Amino acid sequence: MTIDETRKLLAVIKTAYPEFNKELQYAEHKSALKLWHKMLAPYNYDECDTALALHIKKCKFAPKISEIHDIVKVTDDPFSFKKGDDGDEWQCRSWVNISENLGIPLEQWQIVLINRHSHLRQRLMETPSQQKLLNANH
């Protein structure tokens, strides 16, 4: 997400919640913008905009950065595995091991998560029972 997109999100928050940062001076506002941008940078604008809209619909108080993050995580990843989380890779590695060792086919949603890790996807590609499903989902 760009700094201008972060600025647009903050403008929406200020419109929906007029008390948000009402007393900030210019220097503090620049710091707030930098912080929001840094913390939401892993997401794209559409994800954050959707999360903000959901927050506005359900909450009468301005969101914290963590609340936007939590909403993005749930809407982007309903199984609670966010790309880059150690738990995500650990869980995916477990599924690959089970599939390789026991020949148990994986569910499509598991394949989608495994595809986030190229080295795990490669290992799974070597498992004959999974090759067709993996190729269909990549």
Protein backbone atom coordinates (compact mmCIF):
# COMPACT_ATOMS: atom_id res chain seq x y z
CA MET A 1 0.00 0.00 0.00
CA THR A 2 1.31 3.44 -0.85
CA ILE A 3 1.57 6.36 1.54
CA ASP A 4 -1.17 8.14 -0.43
CA GLU A 5 -3.48 5.16 0.01
CA THR A 6 -2.76 5.19 3.74
CA ARG A 7 -3.58 8.91 3.74
CA LYS A 8 -6.92 8.10 2.04
CA LEU A 9 -7.72 5.51 4.73
CA LEU A 10 -6.99 8.02 7.48
CA ALA A 11 -9.20 10.58 5.72
CA VAL A 12 -12.06 8.07 5.72
CA ILE A 13 -11.50 7.40 9.43
CA LYS A 14 -11.54 11.15 10.15
CA THR A 15 -14.77 11.52 8.17
CA ALA A 16 -16.50 8.61 9.88
CA TYR A 17 -15.11 9.45 13.32
CA PRO A 18 -14.65 13.25 13.61
CA GLU A 19 -13.02 12.93 17.04
CA PHE A 20 -10.20 10.83 15.56
CA ASN A 21 -6.89 12.69 16.01
CA LYS A 22 -8.83 15.94 16.50
CA GLU A 23 -6.13 17.58 18.58
CA LEU A 24 -3.03 16.38 16.73
CA GLN A 25 -0.53 18.98 15.61
CA TYR A 26 1.02 18.73 12.13
CA ALA A 27 4.21 16.96 13.30
CA GLU A 28 2.21 14.40 15.27
CA HIS A 29 -0.05 13.86 12.28
CA LYS A 30 2.97 13.02 10.11
CA SER A 31 4.13 10.52 12.74
CA ALA A 32 0.68 8.93 12.86
CA LEU A 33 0.60 8.66 9.07
CA LYS A 34 4.02 7.00 9.04
CA LEU A 35 3.00 4.55 11.75
CA TRP A 36 -0.28 3.58 10.07
CA HIS A 37 1.53 3.18 6.76
CA LYS A 38 4.30 1.04 8.25
CA MET A 39 1.90 -1.25 10.10
CA LEU A 40 -0.53 -1.72 7.19
CA ALA A 41 2.11 -1.90 4.44
CA PRO A 42 1.89 -5.71 4.12
CA TYR A 43 -1.70 -5.37 2.90
CA ASN A 44 -3.06 -3.84 -0.25
CA TYR A 45 -5.39 -0.84 -0.23
CA ASP A 46 -8.52 -2.81 -1.14
CA GLU A 47 -8.03 -5.18 1.81
CA CYS A 48 -7.66 -2.29 4.25
CA ASP A 49 -10.50 -0.31 2.70
CA THR A 50 -12.82 -3.31 3.04
CA ALA A 51 -11.69 -3.89 6.62
CA LEU A 52 -12.30 -0.24 7.46
CA ALA A 53 -15.79 -0.35 5.93
CA LEU A 54 -16.62 -3.41 8.03
CA HIS A 55 -15.30 -1.69 11.15
CA ILE A 56 -17.32 1.47 10.47
CA LYS A 57 -20.50 -0.60 10.10
CA LYS A 58 -20.10 -2.32 13.45
CA CYS A 59 -18.24 0.07 15.74
CA LYS A 60 -18.93 3.58 16.94
CA PHE A 61 -15.30 4.21 17.89
CA ALA A 62 -12.40 4.87 15.53
CA PRO A 63 -10.34 1.78 14.75
CA LYS A 64 -6.94 1.00 16.11
CA ILE A 65 -4.33 -0.32 13.71
CA SER A 66 -4.64 -3.75 15.31
CA GLU A 67 -8.38 -3.83 14.63
CA ILE A 68 -7.86 -3.18 10.92
CA HIS A 69 -5.15 -5.85 10.89
CA ASP A 70 -7.45 -8.37 12.58
CA ILE A 71 -10.30 -7.73 10.15
CA VAL A 72 -8.00 -8.02 7.13
CA LYS A 73 -6.61 -11.28 8.48
CA VAL A 74 -10.07 -12.80 8.97
CA THR A 75 -11.52 -11.65 5.65
CA ASP A 76 -8.38 -12.52 3.68
CA ASP A 77 -7.68 -15.79 5.43
CA PRO A 78 -10.71 -17.38 7.11
CA PHE A 79 -8.63 -20.32 8.33
CA SER A 80 -6.45 -17.92 10.38
CA PHE A 81 -3.23 -18.61 8.49
CA LYS A 82 -1.66 -15.36 7.34
CA LYS A 83 1.05 -15.56 4.71
CA GLY A 84 4.40 -15.32 6.41
CA ASP A 85 3.26 -16.62 9.80
CA ASP A 86 5.52 -19.34 11.19
CA GLY A 87 2.43 -21.30 12.20
CA ASP A 88 1.25 -21.27 8.61
CA GLU A 89 4.44 -22.87 7.32
CA TRP A 90 4.61 -25.33 10.21
CA GLN A 91 1.01 -26.43 9.60
CA CYS A 92 1.56 -26.73 5.86
CA ARG A 93 4.70 -28.80 6.42
CA SER A 94 2.65 -31.15 8.63
CA TRP A 95 0.06 -31.62 5.89
CA VAL A 96 2.76 -32.35 3.32
CA ASN A 97 4.34 -34.92 5.64
CA ILE A 98 1.01 -36.65 6.22
CA SER A 99 0.24 -36.68 2.52
CA GLU A 100 3.70 -38.04 1.61
CA ASN A 101 3.90 -40.66 4.33
CA LEU A 102 0.31 -41.85 4.50
CA GLY A 103 -0.88 -41.07 0.98
CA ILE A 104 -3.84 -39.08 2.31
CA PRO A 105 -5.14 -36.58 -0.25
CA LEU A 106 -5.35 -33.00 0.93
CA GLU A 107 -8.36 -30.70 0.78
CA GLN A 108 -8.34 -27.88 -1.75
CA TRP A 109 -8.10 -25.18 0.96
CA GLN A 110 -4.97 -26.91 2.31
CA ILE A 111 -3.44 -26.87 -1.18
CA VAL A 112 -4.09 -23.13 -1.46
CA LEU A 113 -2.19 -22.52 1.78
CA ILE A 114 0.64 -24.88 0.82
CA ASN A 115 1.06 -23.06 -2.51
CA ARG A 116 2.25 -20.03 -0.51
CA HIS A 117 5.49 -21.90 0.22
CA SER A 118 7.31 -22.86 -2.96
CA HIS A 119 9.59 -25.40 -1.25
CA LEU A 120 6.58 -27.21 0.27
CA ARG A 121 4.70 -27.04 -3.01
CA GLN A 122 7.69 -28.67 -4.72
CA ARG A 123 7.75 -31.49 -2.15
CA LEU A 124 4.05 -32.06 -2.59
CA MET A 125 4.44 -32.06 -6.38
CA GLU A 126 6.61 -35.14 -5.95
CA THR A 127 3.69 -36.95 -4.29
CA PRO A 128 1.75 -38.65 -7.13
CA SER A 129 -1.65 -38.40 -5.44
CA GLN A 130 -1.33 -34.59 -5.18
CA GLN A 131 0.16 -33.59 -8.55
CA LYS A 132 -3.12 -33.22 -10.40
CA LEU A 133 -4.77 -31.15 -7.66
CA LEU A 134 -1.72 -28.91 -7.25
CA ASN A 135 -1.49 -28.19 -10.96
CA ALA A 136 -5.17 -27.26 -11.04
CA ASN A 137 -4.71 -24.77 -8.19
CA HIS A 138 -1.52 -23.03 -9.28
